Amino acid sequence: MWIEKQQLQEWTNNISLEFFGKPYVDHVSFNSRLRTTGGRYIPSDRKIELNPKYLEEMDNEEFVGIIKHELCHYHLHIEGKGFAHKDQDFKDLLKKTGSPRHCQPLPSEREKQKHVYFCTRCSHEYFRRRRINTAKYRCGKCRGQLKKK
């Protein structure tokens, strides 16, 4: 599914009005060079760039979540508040608007990940493109030992 620039601009403005009560008056565009992220906010240009692969491969709900996340950066930056991921203002606005902190990995990227590791304590799975030394690394959630599946 591909949409025109004007449609994307209107969609973003409608989401901004619905969830933030403020218009989005700056520029939004697709950037097909984005690979590991759903979108980004560029403060110096006050511009949002979105990954078109998320619109093609995922459902609209995921894409709307990405737009809401980037709008959190945008509106906090405009208001002069902390708009980085680490800032409490940003975390509070994410929660208030129901925006995701991170986007899901693309299905096409998940297929490229050949190595699967799991934690022996909490059973959390890790998907990697490259092998890792299980003696050196531990589970990020519970510090348990990792094993290759």
N, C-alpha and C. Protein backbone atom coordinates (compact mmCIF):
# COMPACT_ATOMS: atom_id res chain seq x y z
N MET A 1 0.85 -1.18 0.00
CA MET A 1 0.00 0.00 0.00
C MET A 1 0.89 1.24 0.00
N TRP A 2 0.73 2.07 -0.96
CA TRP A 2 1.53 3.29 -1.07
C TRP A 2 0.58 4.48 -1.08
N ILE A 3 0.93 5.52 -0.37
CA ILE A 3 0.09 6.71 -0.36
C ILE A 3 0.90 7.91 -0.82
N GLU A 4 0.22 8.91 -1.30
CA GLU A 4 0.86 10.13 -1.80
C GLU A 4 1.34 11.00 -0.63
N LYS A 5 2.25 11.92 -0.95
CA LYS A 5 2.79 12.82 0.08
C LYS A 5 1.69 13.63 0.76
N GLN A 6 0.75 14.13 -0.03
CA GLN A 6 -0.33 14.95 0.52
C GLN A 6 -1.20 14.12 1.47
N GLN A 7 -1.49 12.87 1.10
CA GLN A 7 -2.28 11.99 1.97
C GLN A 7 -1.54 11.71 3.27
N LEU A 8 -0.22 11.49 3.18
CA LEU A 8 0.60 11.24 4.37
C LEU A 8 0.59 12.47 5.28
N GLN A 9 0.69 13.65 4.68
CA GLN A 9 0.66 14.90 5.45
C GLN A 9 -0.67 15.06 6.18
N GLU A 10 -1.77 14.80 5.48
CA GLU A 10 -3.10 14.91 6.08
C GLU A 10 -3.31 13.87 7.18
N TRP A 11 -2.85 12.65 6.91
CA TRP A 11 -2.97 11.56 7.89
C TRP A 11 -2.23 11.91 9.18
N THR A 12 -1.01 12.42 9.03
CA THR A 12 -0.21 12.81 10.19
C THR A 12 -0.87 13.95 10.94
N ASN A 13 -1.39 14.93 10.22
CA ASN A 13 -2.06 16.06 10.87
C ASN A 13 -3.32 15.59 11.61
N ASN A 14 -4.08 14.68 11.01
CA ASN A 14 -5.28 14.15 11.68
C ASN A 14 -4.93 13.39 12.96
N ILE A 15 -3.88 12.60 12.92
CA ILE A 15 -3.43 11.86 14.11
C ILE A 15 -2.99 12.85 15.18
N SER A 16 -2.28 13.90 14.77
CA SER A 16 -1.81 14.91 15.71
C SER A 16 -2.99 15.63 16.38
N LEU A 17 -3.99 15.99 15.60
CA LEU A 17 -5.16 16.66 16.16
C LEU A 17 -5.94 15.74 17.10
N GLU A 18 -6.07 14.46 16.72
CA GLU A 18 -6.85 13.51 17.51
C GLU A 18 -6.19 13.19 18.86
N PHE A 19 -4.87 12.91 18.84
CA PHE A 19 -4.20 12.45 20.06
C PHE A 19 -3.50 13.55 20.85
N PHE A 20 -3.11 14.64 20.19
CA PHE A 20 -2.36 15.69 20.86
C PHE A 20 -3.14 17.00 20.97
N GLY A 21 -4.22 17.12 20.18
CA GLY A 21 -5.01 18.34 20.20
C GLY A 21 -4.31 19.53 19.57
N LYS A 22 -3.27 19.27 18.79
CA LYS A 22 -2.48 20.32 18.13
C LYS A 22 -2.23 19.90 16.69
N PRO A 23 -2.17 20.86 15.76
CA PRO A 23 -1.89 20.50 14.36
C PRO A 23 -0.41 20.20 14.13
N TYR A 24 -0.16 19.40 13.13
CA TYR A 24 1.21 19.16 12.66
C TYR A 24 1.38 19.99 11.40
N VAL A 25 2.15 21.07 11.48
CA VAL A 25 2.25 22.01 10.37
C VAL A 25 3.53 21.84 9.55
N ASP A 26 4.45 21.02 10.02
CA ASP A 26 5.72 20.86 9.31
C ASP A 26 5.67 19.70 8.33
N HIS A 27 6.83 19.34 7.79
CA HIS A 27 6.92 18.38 6.70
C HIS A 27 7.05 16.94 7.20
N VAL A 28 6.37 16.02 6.54
CA VAL A 28 6.50 14.59 6.79
C VAL A 28 6.72 13.90 5.45
N SER A 29 7.60 12.89 5.44
CA SER A 29 7.88 12.20 4.17
C SER A 29 8.32 10.77 4.44
N PHE A 30 8.34 9.98 3.37
CA PHE A 30 8.88 8.62 3.43
C PHE A 30 10.37 8.67 3.17
N ASN A 31 11.12 7.80 3.84
CA ASN A 31 12.55 7.65 3.59
C ASN A 31 12.82 6.15 3.48
N SER A 32 12.99 5.66 2.26
CA SER A 32 13.16 4.22 2.05
C SER A 32 14.55 3.73 2.46
N ARG A 33 15.45 4.64 2.82
CA ARG A 33 16.78 4.22 3.27
C ARG A 33 16.78 3.79 4.74
N LEU A 34 15.71 4.10 5.47
CA LEU A 34 15.63 3.67 6.87
C LEU A 34 15.52 2.15 6.89
N ARG A 35 16.36 1.50 7.70
CA ARG A 35 16.36 0.04 7.73
C ARG A 35 15.98 -0.53 9.09
N THR A 36 16.51 0.04 10.15
CA THR A 36 16.31 -0.55 11.47
C THR A 36 15.30 0.20 12.32
N THR A 37 14.64 1.19 11.76
CA THR A 37 13.70 1.98 12.54
C THR A 37 12.44 2.26 11.72
N GLY A 38 11.34 2.51 12.40
CA GLY A 38 10.09 2.81 11.73
C GLY A 38 9.99 4.25 11.28
N GLY A 39 10.72 5.13 11.95
CA GLY A 39 10.69 6.54 11.61
C GLY A 39 11.69 7.30 12.43
N ARG A 40 11.84 8.60 12.10
CA ARG A 40 12.72 9.44 12.89
C ARG A 40 12.24 10.89 12.79
N TYR A 41 12.56 11.64 13.85
CA TYR A 41 12.25 13.06 13.88
C TYR A 41 13.58 13.81 13.80
N ILE A 42 13.66 14.76 12.88
CA ILE A 42 14.88 15.55 12.70
C ILE A 42 14.61 16.94 13.27
N PRO A 43 15.13 17.23 14.49
CA PRO A 43 14.81 18.50 15.15
C PRO A 43 15.29 19.73 14.38
N SER A 44 16.45 19.66 13.74
CA SER A 44 16.98 20.84 13.05
C SER A 44 16.08 21.28 11.89
N ASP A 45 15.41 20.32 11.25
CA ASP A 45 14.50 20.63 10.14
C ASP A 45 13.03 20.60 10.55
N ARG A 46 12.77 20.16 11.80
CA ARG A 46 11.39 19.95 12.28
C ARG A 46 10.64 19.08 11.28
N LYS A 47 11.24 17.95 10.96
CA LYS A 47 10.71 17.07 9.91
C LYS A 47 10.62 15.64 10.44
N ILE A 48 9.58 14.93 10.04
CA ILE A 48 9.42 13.51 10.37
C ILE A 48 9.62 12.70 9.11
N GLU A 49 10.47 11.68 9.21
CA GLU A 49 10.67 10.73 8.11
C GLU A 49 10.18 9.37 8.57
N LEU A 50 9.43 8.69 7.70
CA LEU A 50 8.85 7.40 8.03
C LEU A 50 9.34 6.32 7.07
N ASN A 51 9.47 5.11 7.58
CA ASN A 51 9.92 3.98 6.79
C ASN A 51 8.72 3.40 6.03
N PRO A 52 8.72 3.45 4.68
CA PRO A 52 7.56 2.96 3.92
C PRO A 52 7.36 1.46 4.01
N LYS A 53 8.40 0.72 4.39
CA LYS A 53 8.27 -0.75 4.50
C LYS A 53 7.28 -1.13 5.59
N TYR A 54 7.16 -0.29 6.62
CA TYR A 54 6.21 -0.58 7.70
C TYR A 54 4.77 -0.45 7.22
N LEU A 55 4.53 0.45 6.29
CA LEU A 55 3.19 0.59 5.73
C LEU A 55 2.86 -0.59 4.82
N GLU A 56 3.87 -1.11 4.10
CA GLU A 56 3.68 -2.22 3.18
C GLU A 56 3.55 -3.57 3.90
N GLU A 57 4.41 -3.80 4.90
CA GLU A 57 4.50 -5.13 5.52
C GLU A 57 3.69 -5.30 6.80
N MET A 58 3.38 -4.22 7.48
CA MET A 58 2.68 -4.32 8.76
C MET A 58 1.27 -3.73 8.61
N ASP A 59 0.48 -3.86 9.65
CA ASP A 59 -0.88 -3.31 9.60
C ASP A 59 -0.86 -1.80 9.88
N ASN A 60 -1.98 -1.16 9.59
CA ASN A 60 -2.08 0.30 9.76
C ASN A 60 -1.89 0.72 11.22
N GLU A 61 -2.32 -0.14 12.15
CA GLU A 61 -2.20 0.19 13.56
C GLU A 61 -0.74 0.38 13.97
N GLU A 62 0.14 -0.47 13.47
CA GLU A 62 1.57 -0.34 13.76
C GLU A 62 2.12 0.96 13.17
N PHE A 63 1.69 1.30 11.97
CA PHE A 63 2.18 2.52 11.31
C PHE A 63 1.66 3.77 12.02
N VAL A 64 0.42 3.74 12.47
CA VAL A 64 -0.13 4.87 13.24
C VAL A 64 0.65 5.03 14.54
N GLY A 65 1.03 3.91 15.16
CA GLY A 65 1.84 3.96 16.38
C GLY A 65 3.19 4.63 16.14
N ILE A 66 3.80 4.36 15.00
CA ILE A 66 5.07 4.98 14.65
C ILE A 66 4.89 6.49 14.47
N ILE A 67 3.82 6.88 13.79
CA ILE A 67 3.54 8.31 13.60
C ILE A 67 3.33 9.00 14.95
N LYS A 68 2.55 8.36 15.84
CA LYS A 68 2.30 8.93 17.17
C LYS A 68 3.61 9.08 17.94
N HIS A 69 4.50 8.09 17.85
CA HIS A 69 5.78 8.15 18.54
C HIS A 69 6.59 9.35 18.05
N GLU A 70 6.66 9.53 16.74
CA GLU A 70 7.43 10.65 16.18
C GLU A 70 6.77 11.98 16.51
N LEU A 71 5.45 12.01 16.58
CA LEU A 71 4.76 13.24 16.97
C LEU A 71 5.04 13.61 18.42
N CYS A 72 5.28 12.62 19.27
CA CYS A 72 5.68 12.91 20.65
C CYS A 72 7.00 13.68 20.65
N HIS A 73 7.96 13.20 19.86
CA HIS A 73 9.24 13.93 19.74
C HIS A 73 8.98 15.35 19.27
N TYR A 74 8.18 15.48 18.22
CA TYR A 74 7.91 16.76 17.57
C TYR A 74 7.28 17.77 18.54
N HIS A 75 6.16 17.39 19.17
CA HIS A 75 5.44 18.34 20.00
C HIS A 75 6.24 18.74 21.24
N LEU A 76 6.99 17.81 21.82
CA LEU A 76 7.83 18.17 22.97
C LEU A 76 8.95 19.10 22.55
N HIS A 77 9.52 18.88 21.37
CA HIS A 77 10.58 19.76 20.87
C HIS A 77 10.04 21.17 20.64
N ILE A 78 8.87 21.27 20.05
CA ILE A 78 8.25 22.57 19.79
C ILE A 78 7.98 23.32 21.10
N GLU A 79 7.57 22.58 22.14
CA GLU A 79 7.26 23.18 23.44
C GLU A 79 8.50 23.46 24.27
N GLY A 80 9.67 23.04 23.80
CA GLY A 80 10.91 23.27 24.54
C GLY A 80 11.12 22.32 25.70
N LYS A 81 10.45 21.19 25.67
CA LYS A 81 10.60 20.18 26.73
C LYS A 81 11.55 19.09 26.27
N GLY A 82 11.87 18.17 27.17
CA GLY A 82 12.76 17.07 26.84
C GLY A 82 12.11 16.10 25.87
N PHE A 83 12.67 15.95 24.66
CA PHE A 83 12.05 15.11 23.64
C PHE A 83 12.88 13.87 23.32
N ALA A 84 13.95 13.61 24.06
CA ALA A 84 14.76 12.42 23.85
C ALA A 84 14.11 11.22 24.52
N HIS A 85 14.48 10.02 24.10
CA HIS A 85 13.89 8.81 24.66
C HIS A 85 14.11 8.70 26.16
N LYS A 86 15.18 9.26 26.67
CA LYS A 86 15.51 9.14 28.09
C LYS A 86 14.74 10.12 28.97
N ASP A 87 14.15 11.17 28.39
CA ASP A 87 13.50 12.22 29.16
C ASP A 87 12.15 11.78 29.71
N GLN A 88 11.86 12.21 30.94
CA GLN A 88 10.61 11.84 31.59
C GLN A 88 9.41 12.45 30.87
N ASP A 89 9.55 13.67 30.35
CA ASP A 89 8.46 14.29 29.58
C ASP A 89 8.05 13.41 28.41
N PHE A 90 9.05 12.85 27.73
CA PHE A 90 8.80 12.00 26.57
C PHE A 90 8.08 10.71 27.00
N LYS A 91 8.57 10.10 28.06
CA LYS A 91 7.95 8.86 28.54
C LYS A 91 6.50 9.09 28.98
N ASP A 92 6.26 10.22 29.64
CA ASP A 92 4.90 10.55 30.09
C ASP A 92 3.97 10.77 28.91
N LEU A 93 4.44 11.49 27.88
CA LEU A 93 3.59 11.75 26.71
C LEU A 93 3.32 10.47 25.93
N LEU A 94 4.29 9.56 25.85
CA LEU A 94 4.07 8.27 25.20
C LEU A 94 2.92 7.53 25.89
N LYS A 95 2.98 7.51 27.21
CA LYS A 95 1.96 6.80 27.98
C LYS A 95 0.59 7.47 27.83
N LYS A 96 0.57 8.80 27.87
CA LYS A 96 -0.68 9.56 27.77
C LYS A 96 -1.37 9.34 26.43
N THR A 97 -0.60 9.26 25.35
CA THR A 97 -1.18 9.13 24.01
C THR A 97 -1.28 7.68 23.54
N GLY A 98 -0.76 6.74 24.33
CA GLY A 98 -0.81 5.33 23.94
C GLY A 98 0.14 5.01 22.79
N SER A 99 1.23 5.74 22.72
CA SER A 99 2.22 5.53 21.66
C SER A 99 3.22 4.45 22.08
N PRO A 100 3.70 3.65 21.13
CA PRO A 100 4.67 2.62 21.47
C PRO A 100 6.07 3.22 21.70
N ARG A 101 6.82 2.62 22.59
CA ARG A 101 8.21 3.07 22.83
C ARG A 101 9.11 2.61 21.70
N HIS A 102 8.88 1.41 21.19
CA HIS A 102 9.65 0.85 20.08
C HIS A 102 8.68 0.21 19.09
N CYS A 103 9.09 0.12 17.84
CA CYS A 103 8.23 -0.55 16.86
C CYS A 103 8.67 -2.01 16.72
N GLN A 104 7.76 -2.83 16.24
CA GLN A 104 8.04 -4.24 16.02
C GLN A 104 9.02 -4.40 14.85
N PRO A 105 9.85 -5.44 14.88
CA PRO A 105 10.74 -5.66 13.74
C PRO A 105 9.94 -6.07 12.50
N LEU A 106 10.42 -5.66 11.35
CA LEU A 106 9.76 -6.03 10.09
C LEU A 106 9.85 -7.53 9.85
N PRO A 107 8.81 -8.15 9.31
CA PRO A 107 8.87 -9.57 9.00
C PRO A 107 10.00 -9.89 8.02
N SER A 108 10.27 -9.02 7.07
CA SER A 108 11.34 -9.26 6.09
C SER A 108 12.72 -9.22 6.76
N GLU A 109 12.86 -8.41 7.81
CA GLU A 109 14.13 -8.34 8.53
C GLU A 109 14.28 -9.55 9.45
N ARG A 110 13.17 -10.03 10.01
CA ARG A 110 13.21 -11.18 10.92
C ARG A 110 13.71 -12.42 10.18
N GLU A 111 13.37 -12.54 8.88
CA GLU A 111 13.80 -13.69 8.10
C GLU A 111 15.31 -13.74 7.92
N LYS A 112 15.96 -12.59 7.98
CA LYS A 112 17.41 -12.52 7.80
C LYS A 112 18.17 -12.97 9.05
N GLN A 113 17.47 -13.08 10.17
CA GLN A 113 18.11 -13.46 11.41
C GLN A 113 18.19 -14.98 11.51
N LYS A 114 19.40 -15.50 11.40
CA LYS A 114 19.62 -16.94 11.31
C LYS A 114 19.80 -17.64 12.66
N HIS A 115 20.30 -16.93 13.64
CA HIS A 115 20.65 -17.54 14.92
C HIS A 115 19.62 -17.21 16.00
N VAL A 116 19.16 -18.23 16.70
CA VAL A 116 18.17 -18.05 17.76
C VAL A 116 18.78 -18.54 19.07
N TYR A 117 18.74 -17.67 20.08
CA TYR A 117 19.23 -18.00 21.42
C TYR A 117 18.07 -17.85 22.38
N PHE A 118 18.11 -18.61 23.48
CA PHE A 118 17.08 -18.47 24.50
C PHE A 118 17.72 -18.49 25.87
N CYS A 119 17.05 -17.86 26.81
CA CYS A 119 17.53 -17.80 28.19
C CYS A 119 17.10 -19.07 28.91
N THR A 120 18.02 -19.68 29.61
CA THR A 120 17.71 -20.92 30.34
C THR A 120 16.87 -20.63 31.59
N ARG A 121 16.84 -19.37 32.04
CA ARG A 121 16.08 -19.04 33.24
C ARG A 121 14.66 -18.55 32.92
N CYS A 122 14.53 -17.55 32.01
CA CYS A 122 13.22 -16.96 31.75
C CYS A 122 12.65 -17.31 30.37
N SER A 123 13.40 -18.05 29.56
CA SER A 123 12.99 -18.54 28.23
C SER A 123 12.78 -17.44 27.19
N HIS A 124 13.30 -16.23 27.44
CA HIS A 124 13.20 -15.16 26.45
C HIS A 124 14.06 -15.51 25.23
N GLU A 125 13.52 -15.27 24.03
CA GLU A 125 14.25 -15.61 22.81
C GLU A 125 14.93 -14.38 22.23
N TYR A 126 16.12 -14.59 21.69
CA TYR A 126 16.89 -13.55 21.01
C TYR A 126 17.19 -14.02 19.60
N PHE A 127 16.88 -13.19 18.62
CA PHE A 127 17.14 -13.50 17.22
C PHE A 127 18.31 -12.64 16.75
N ARG A 128 19.32 -13.27 16.18
CA ARG A 128 20.52 -12.55 15.75
C ARG A 128 20.93 -12.97 14.34
N ARG A 129 21.53 -12.04 13.62
CA ARG A 129 22.09 -12.35 12.31
C ARG A 129 23.45 -13.02 12.46
N ARG A 130 24.19 -12.60 13.45
CA ARG A 130 25.54 -13.14 13.67
C ARG A 130 25.56 -13.97 14.95
N ARG A 131 26.47 -14.93 14.99
CA ARG A 131 26.62 -15.74 16.19
C ARG A 131 27.15 -14.88 17.33
N ILE A 132 26.80 -15.26 18.55
CA ILE A 132 27.35 -14.58 19.72
C ILE A 132 28.02 -15.61 20.62
N ASN A 133 28.94 -15.15 21.43
CA ASN A 133 29.64 -16.00 22.38
C ASN A 133 28.77 -16.10 23.63
N THR A 134 28.15 -17.27 23.84
CA THR A 134 27.21 -17.43 24.96
C THR A 134 27.92 -17.43 26.31
N ALA A 135 29.23 -17.64 26.31
CA ALA A 135 29.97 -17.57 27.57
C ALA A 135 30.18 -16.11 27.99
N LYS A 136 30.15 -15.21 27.03
CA LYS A 136 30.42 -13.80 27.28
C LYS A 136 29.15 -12.99 27.55
N TYR A 137 28.03 -13.36 26.93
CA TYR A 137 26.80 -12.58 27.04
C TYR A 137 25.74 -13.31 27.86
N ARG A 138 24.88 -12.52 28.54
CA ARG A 138 23.82 -13.04 29.39
C ARG A 138 22.49 -12.46 28.93
N CYS A 139 21.42 -12.97 29.49
CA CYS A 139 20.08 -12.48 29.18
C CYS A 139 19.94 -11.04 29.69
N GLY A 140 19.37 -10.18 28.85
CA GLY A 140 19.19 -8.78 29.22
C GLY A 140 18.04 -8.56 30.18
N LYS A 141 17.17 -9.54 30.33
CA LYS A 141 16.02 -9.39 31.22
C LYS A 141 16.32 -9.90 32.64
N CYS A 142 16.95 -11.08 32.73
CA CYS A 142 17.12 -11.67 34.06
C CYS A 142 18.57 -12.08 34.36
N ARG A 143 19.48 -11.80 33.46
CA ARG A 143 20.90 -12.13 33.60
C ARG A 143 21.16 -13.64 33.57
N GLY A 144 20.20 -14.42 33.05
CA GLY A 144 20.36 -15.87 32.95
C GLY A 144 21.31 -16.25 31.82
N GLN A 145 21.65 -17.53 31.76
CA GLN A 145 22.58 -18.02 30.76
C GLN A 145 21.86 -18.23 29.42
N LEU A 146 22.55 -17.90 28.32
CA LEU A 146 21.96 -18.09 26.99
C LEU A 146 22.41 -19.40 26.38
N LYS A 147 21.51 -20.02 25.61
CA LYS A 147 21.82 -21.24 24.87
C LYS A 147 21.30 -21.07 23.46
N LYS A 148 22.01 -21.69 22.51
CA LYS A 148 21.58 -21.65 21.12
C LYS A 148 20.50 -22.70 20.90
N LYS A 149 19.45 -22.32 20.15
CA LYS A 149 18.37 -23.26 19.85
C LYS A 149 18.77 -24.17 18.71
